[in-house]
Amino acid sequence: MDAAEIEAKDLLPVSKTVEIKVIEEDREKTFTLCREQIIECSPYFEAAFTGSFREADDGFIELRDTEIETFETFFGWLRHWGP
């Protein structure tokens, strides 16, 4: 690898991540996702992570009305097949 390749690699943008904690009655699980990817496929998450909400500043949101297994399915799709 020459110096030009190293410099170009260093200039690539780093993806910002967000955390989504899914909370059920007796358990919880936190998922770390690429911010740009999740806001591209969901108007809800786009509003939460880009608007003037605390979640946009914190990069963190809690979901209490979603089952962990349901979000795991979405998370798997997003990582492998999503935008």
N, C-alpha and C. Protein backbone atom coordinates (compact mmCIF):
# COMPACT_ATOMS: atom_id res chain seq x y z
N MET A 1 0.85 -1.18 0.00
CA MET A 1 0.00 0.00 0.00
C MET A 1 0.89 1.24 0.00
N ASP A 2 0.64 2.15 -0.92
CA ASP A 2 1.46 3.35 -0.96
C ASP A 2 0.85 4.47 -0.12
N ALA A 3 1.56 5.59 0.00
CA ALA A 3 1.13 6.69 0.85
C ALA A 3 -0.21 7.26 0.41
N ALA A 4 -0.48 7.32 -0.89
CA ALA A 4 -1.75 7.86 -1.39
C ALA A 4 -2.93 7.01 -0.94
N GLU A 5 -2.77 5.70 -0.94
CA GLU A 5 -3.84 4.81 -0.49
C GLU A 5 -4.11 4.96 1.00
N ILE A 6 -3.06 5.12 1.77
CA ILE A 6 -3.23 5.29 3.22
C ILE A 6 -3.95 6.59 3.51
N GLU A 7 -3.57 7.66 2.84
CA GLU A 7 -4.22 8.95 3.06
C GLU A 7 -5.68 8.90 2.65
N ALA A 8 -6.00 8.28 1.53
CA ALA A 8 -7.39 8.18 1.08
C ALA A 8 -8.21 7.39 2.09
N LYS A 9 -7.65 6.32 2.61
CA LYS A 9 -8.35 5.49 3.60
C LYS A 9 -8.64 6.31 4.85
N ASP A 10 -7.67 7.10 5.27
CA ASP A 10 -7.84 7.91 6.47
C ASP A 10 -8.91 8.99 6.30
N LEU A 11 -9.22 9.36 5.07
CA LEU A 11 -10.20 10.41 4.81
C LEU A 11 -11.63 9.88 4.68
N LEU A 12 -11.80 8.58 4.64
CA LEU A 12 -13.14 8.02 4.52
C LEU A 12 -13.95 8.36 5.77
N PRO A 13 -15.23 8.73 5.60
CA PRO A 13 -16.02 9.08 6.77
C PRO A 13 -16.29 7.86 7.65
N VAL A 14 -16.33 8.08 8.92
CA VAL A 14 -16.64 7.02 9.88
C VAL A 14 -18.14 7.07 10.14
N SER A 15 -18.78 5.94 10.06
CA SER A 15 -20.22 5.89 10.29
C SER A 15 -20.52 6.12 11.76
N LYS A 16 -21.45 7.02 12.01
CA LYS A 16 -21.90 7.26 13.36
C LYS A 16 -22.90 6.17 13.74
N THR A 17 -22.81 5.70 14.95
CA THR A 17 -23.73 4.66 15.40
C THR A 17 -24.72 5.23 16.41
N VAL A 18 -25.83 4.54 16.53
CA VAL A 18 -26.84 4.86 17.53
C VAL A 18 -27.16 3.57 18.28
N GLU A 19 -27.71 3.73 19.47
CA GLU A 19 -28.12 2.57 20.26
C GLU A 19 -29.62 2.60 20.48
N ILE A 20 -30.23 1.43 20.30
CA ILE A 20 -31.66 1.29 20.53
C ILE A 20 -31.83 0.18 21.56
N LYS A 21 -32.41 0.54 22.70
CA LYS A 21 -32.65 -0.44 23.76
C LYS A 21 -34.12 -0.85 23.70
N VAL A 22 -34.35 -2.14 23.51
CA VAL A 22 -35.70 -2.69 23.48
C VAL A 22 -35.96 -3.28 24.87
N ILE A 23 -37.04 -2.81 25.49
CA ILE A 23 -37.34 -3.20 26.85
C ILE A 23 -38.67 -3.96 26.89
N GLU A 24 -38.60 -5.18 27.40
CA GLU A 24 -39.80 -5.97 27.67
C GLU A 24 -40.00 -5.98 29.18
N GLU A 25 -41.04 -6.63 29.64
CA GLU A 25 -41.34 -6.64 31.08
C GLU A 25 -40.18 -7.15 31.93
N ASP A 26 -39.59 -8.27 31.53
CA ASP A 26 -38.57 -8.89 32.38
C ASP A 26 -37.18 -8.96 31.77
N ARG A 27 -37.00 -8.32 30.61
CA ARG A 27 -35.67 -8.32 29.99
C ARG A 27 -35.53 -7.16 29.03
N GLU A 28 -34.29 -6.91 28.67
CA GLU A 28 -34.00 -5.84 27.72
C GLU A 28 -32.77 -6.21 26.91
N LYS A 29 -32.66 -5.58 25.74
CA LYS A 29 -31.51 -5.82 24.87
C LYS A 29 -31.20 -4.54 24.11
N THR A 30 -29.91 -4.21 24.02
CA THR A 30 -29.48 -3.01 23.32
C THR A 30 -28.84 -3.39 21.99
N PHE A 31 -29.24 -2.69 20.95
CA PHE A 31 -28.73 -2.90 19.60
C PHE A 31 -27.95 -1.66 19.18
N THR A 32 -26.80 -1.86 18.56
CA THR A 32 -26.00 -0.76 18.02
C THR A 32 -26.11 -0.82 16.50
N LEU A 33 -26.54 0.30 15.92
CA LEU A 33 -26.79 0.34 14.47
C LEU A 33 -26.13 1.56 13.85
N CYS A 34 -25.89 1.47 12.55
CA CYS A 34 -25.40 2.60 11.78
C CYS A 34 -26.52 3.64 11.68
N ARG A 35 -26.26 4.84 12.15
CA ARG A 35 -27.27 5.90 12.17
C ARG A 35 -27.83 6.17 10.77
N GLU A 36 -26.98 6.32 9.80
CA GLU A 36 -27.43 6.65 8.45
C GLU A 36 -28.32 5.56 7.87
N GLN A 37 -27.99 4.34 8.16
CA GLN A 37 -28.75 3.21 7.63
C GLN A 37 -30.15 3.16 8.22
N ILE A 38 -30.26 3.36 9.52
CA ILE A 38 -31.59 3.25 10.14
C ILE A 38 -32.47 4.44 9.81
N ILE A 39 -31.90 5.63 9.68
CA ILE A 39 -32.75 6.77 9.34
C ILE A 39 -33.18 6.73 7.88
N GLU A 40 -32.42 6.04 7.05
CA GLU A 40 -32.80 5.91 5.64
C GLU A 40 -34.02 5.00 5.46
N CYS A 41 -34.20 4.03 6.33
CA CYS A 41 -35.29 3.08 6.13
C CYS A 41 -36.48 3.31 7.06
N SER A 42 -36.41 4.28 7.96
CA SER A 42 -37.50 4.47 8.91
C SER A 42 -37.77 5.95 9.20
N PRO A 43 -38.93 6.45 8.80
CA PRO A 43 -39.28 7.85 9.13
C PRO A 43 -39.30 8.10 10.64
N TYR A 44 -39.70 7.10 11.41
CA TYR A 44 -39.73 7.24 12.87
C TYR A 44 -38.32 7.49 13.41
N PHE A 45 -37.38 6.64 13.04
CA PHE A 45 -36.01 6.81 13.53
C PHE A 45 -35.34 8.03 12.91
N GLU A 46 -35.71 8.37 11.68
CA GLU A 46 -35.17 9.60 11.07
C GLU A 46 -35.56 10.81 11.90
N ALA A 47 -36.83 10.89 12.29
CA ALA A 47 -37.28 12.01 13.10
C ALA A 47 -36.59 12.03 14.47
N ALA A 48 -36.48 10.85 15.07
CA ALA A 48 -35.88 10.77 16.41
C ALA A 48 -34.41 11.14 16.41
N PHE A 49 -33.67 10.67 15.41
CA PHE A 49 -32.22 10.86 15.42
C PHE A 49 -31.72 12.07 14.65
N THR A 50 -32.62 12.80 13.97
CA THR A 50 -32.18 14.00 13.25
C THR A 50 -32.93 15.25 13.68
N GLY A 51 -34.01 15.08 14.42
CA GLY A 51 -34.82 16.22 14.83
C GLY A 51 -34.24 16.92 16.05
N SER A 52 -35.06 17.73 16.65
CA SER A 52 -34.63 18.48 17.83
C SER A 52 -35.04 17.74 19.10
N PHE A 53 -34.79 16.45 19.10
CA PHE A 53 -35.12 15.60 20.24
C PHE A 53 -33.84 15.22 20.98
N ARG A 54 -34.00 14.83 22.23
CA ARG A 54 -32.86 14.37 23.03
C ARG A 54 -32.15 13.21 22.35
N GLU A 55 -32.93 12.32 21.70
CA GLU A 55 -32.36 11.15 21.04
C GLU A 55 -31.36 11.53 19.95
N ALA A 56 -31.59 12.64 19.29
CA ALA A 56 -30.67 13.09 18.25
C ALA A 56 -29.33 13.48 18.85
N ASP A 57 -29.36 14.09 20.02
CA ASP A 57 -28.12 14.47 20.70
C ASP A 57 -27.43 13.28 21.34
N ASP A 58 -28.23 12.41 21.98
CA ASP A 58 -27.68 11.27 22.71
C ASP A 58 -27.32 10.09 21.81
N GLY A 59 -28.01 9.94 20.67
CA GLY A 59 -27.80 8.77 19.82
C GLY A 59 -28.33 7.51 20.49
N PHE A 60 -29.39 7.68 21.32
CA PHE A 60 -29.92 6.57 22.10
C PHE A 60 -31.44 6.71 22.20
N ILE A 61 -32.13 5.58 22.07
CA ILE A 61 -33.58 5.57 22.22
C ILE A 61 -34.00 4.27 22.89
N GLU A 62 -35.07 4.35 23.68
CA GLU A 62 -35.64 3.16 24.31
C GLU A 62 -36.98 2.85 23.65
N LEU A 63 -37.20 1.58 23.33
CA LEU A 63 -38.48 1.13 22.78
C LEU A 63 -39.12 0.19 23.80
N ARG A 64 -40.32 0.52 24.21
CA ARG A 64 -41.03 -0.31 25.19
C ARG A 64 -42.23 -1.01 24.57
N ASP A 65 -42.55 -0.70 23.34
CA ASP A 65 -43.74 -1.28 22.70
C ASP A 65 -43.38 -2.25 21.57
N THR A 66 -42.17 -2.78 21.64
CA THR A 66 -41.68 -3.71 20.61
C THR A 66 -41.07 -4.93 21.30
N GLU A 67 -41.36 -6.11 20.78
CA GLU A 67 -40.74 -7.31 21.33
C GLU A 67 -39.30 -7.42 20.84
N ILE A 68 -38.45 -7.96 21.69
CA ILE A 68 -37.03 -8.11 21.34
C ILE A 68 -36.88 -8.95 20.08
N GLU A 69 -37.61 -10.04 19.97
CA GLU A 69 -37.49 -10.91 18.79
C GLU A 69 -37.89 -10.17 17.51
N THR A 70 -38.89 -9.32 17.60
CA THR A 70 -39.31 -8.54 16.44
C THR A 70 -38.20 -7.59 16.01
N PHE A 71 -37.59 -6.91 16.99
CA PHE A 71 -36.52 -5.98 16.64
C PHE A 71 -35.28 -6.73 16.16
N GLU A 72 -35.02 -7.91 16.69
CA GLU A 72 -33.90 -8.72 16.21
C GLU A 72 -34.08 -9.06 14.73
N THR A 73 -35.29 -9.37 14.34
CA THR A 73 -35.57 -9.66 12.92
C THR A 73 -35.30 -8.43 12.07
N PHE A 74 -35.80 -7.28 12.50
CA PHE A 74 -35.56 -6.02 11.78
C PHE A 74 -34.07 -5.72 11.72
N PHE A 75 -33.38 -5.89 12.84
CA PHE A 75 -31.94 -5.62 12.92
C PHE A 75 -31.17 -6.52 11.95
N GLY A 76 -31.53 -7.79 11.90
CA GLY A 76 -30.88 -8.72 10.97
C GLY A 76 -31.11 -8.32 9.52
N TRP A 77 -32.34 -7.94 9.20
CA TRP A 77 -32.65 -7.50 7.84
C TRP A 77 -31.85 -6.25 7.50
N LEU A 78 -31.84 -5.30 8.41
CA LEU A 78 -31.15 -4.04 8.16
C LEU A 78 -29.66 -4.25 7.93
N ARG A 79 -29.05 -5.11 8.73
CA ARG A 79 -27.61 -5.35 8.59
C ARG A 79 -27.25 -6.06 7.29
N HIS A 80 -28.13 -6.96 6.82
CA HIS A 80 -27.77 -7.77 5.66
C HIS A 80 -28.44 -7.36 4.37
N TRP A 81 -29.64 -6.81 4.44
CA TRP A 81 -30.39 -6.53 3.21
C TRP A 81 -30.88 -5.09 3.11
N GLY A 82 -30.79 -4.34 4.18
CA GLY A 82 -31.33 -2.99 4.20
C GLY A 82 -30.57 -2.02 3.31
N PRO A 83 -31.02 -0.78 3.35
CA PRO A 83 -30.39 0.26 2.50
C PRO A 83 -28.93 0.48 2.81
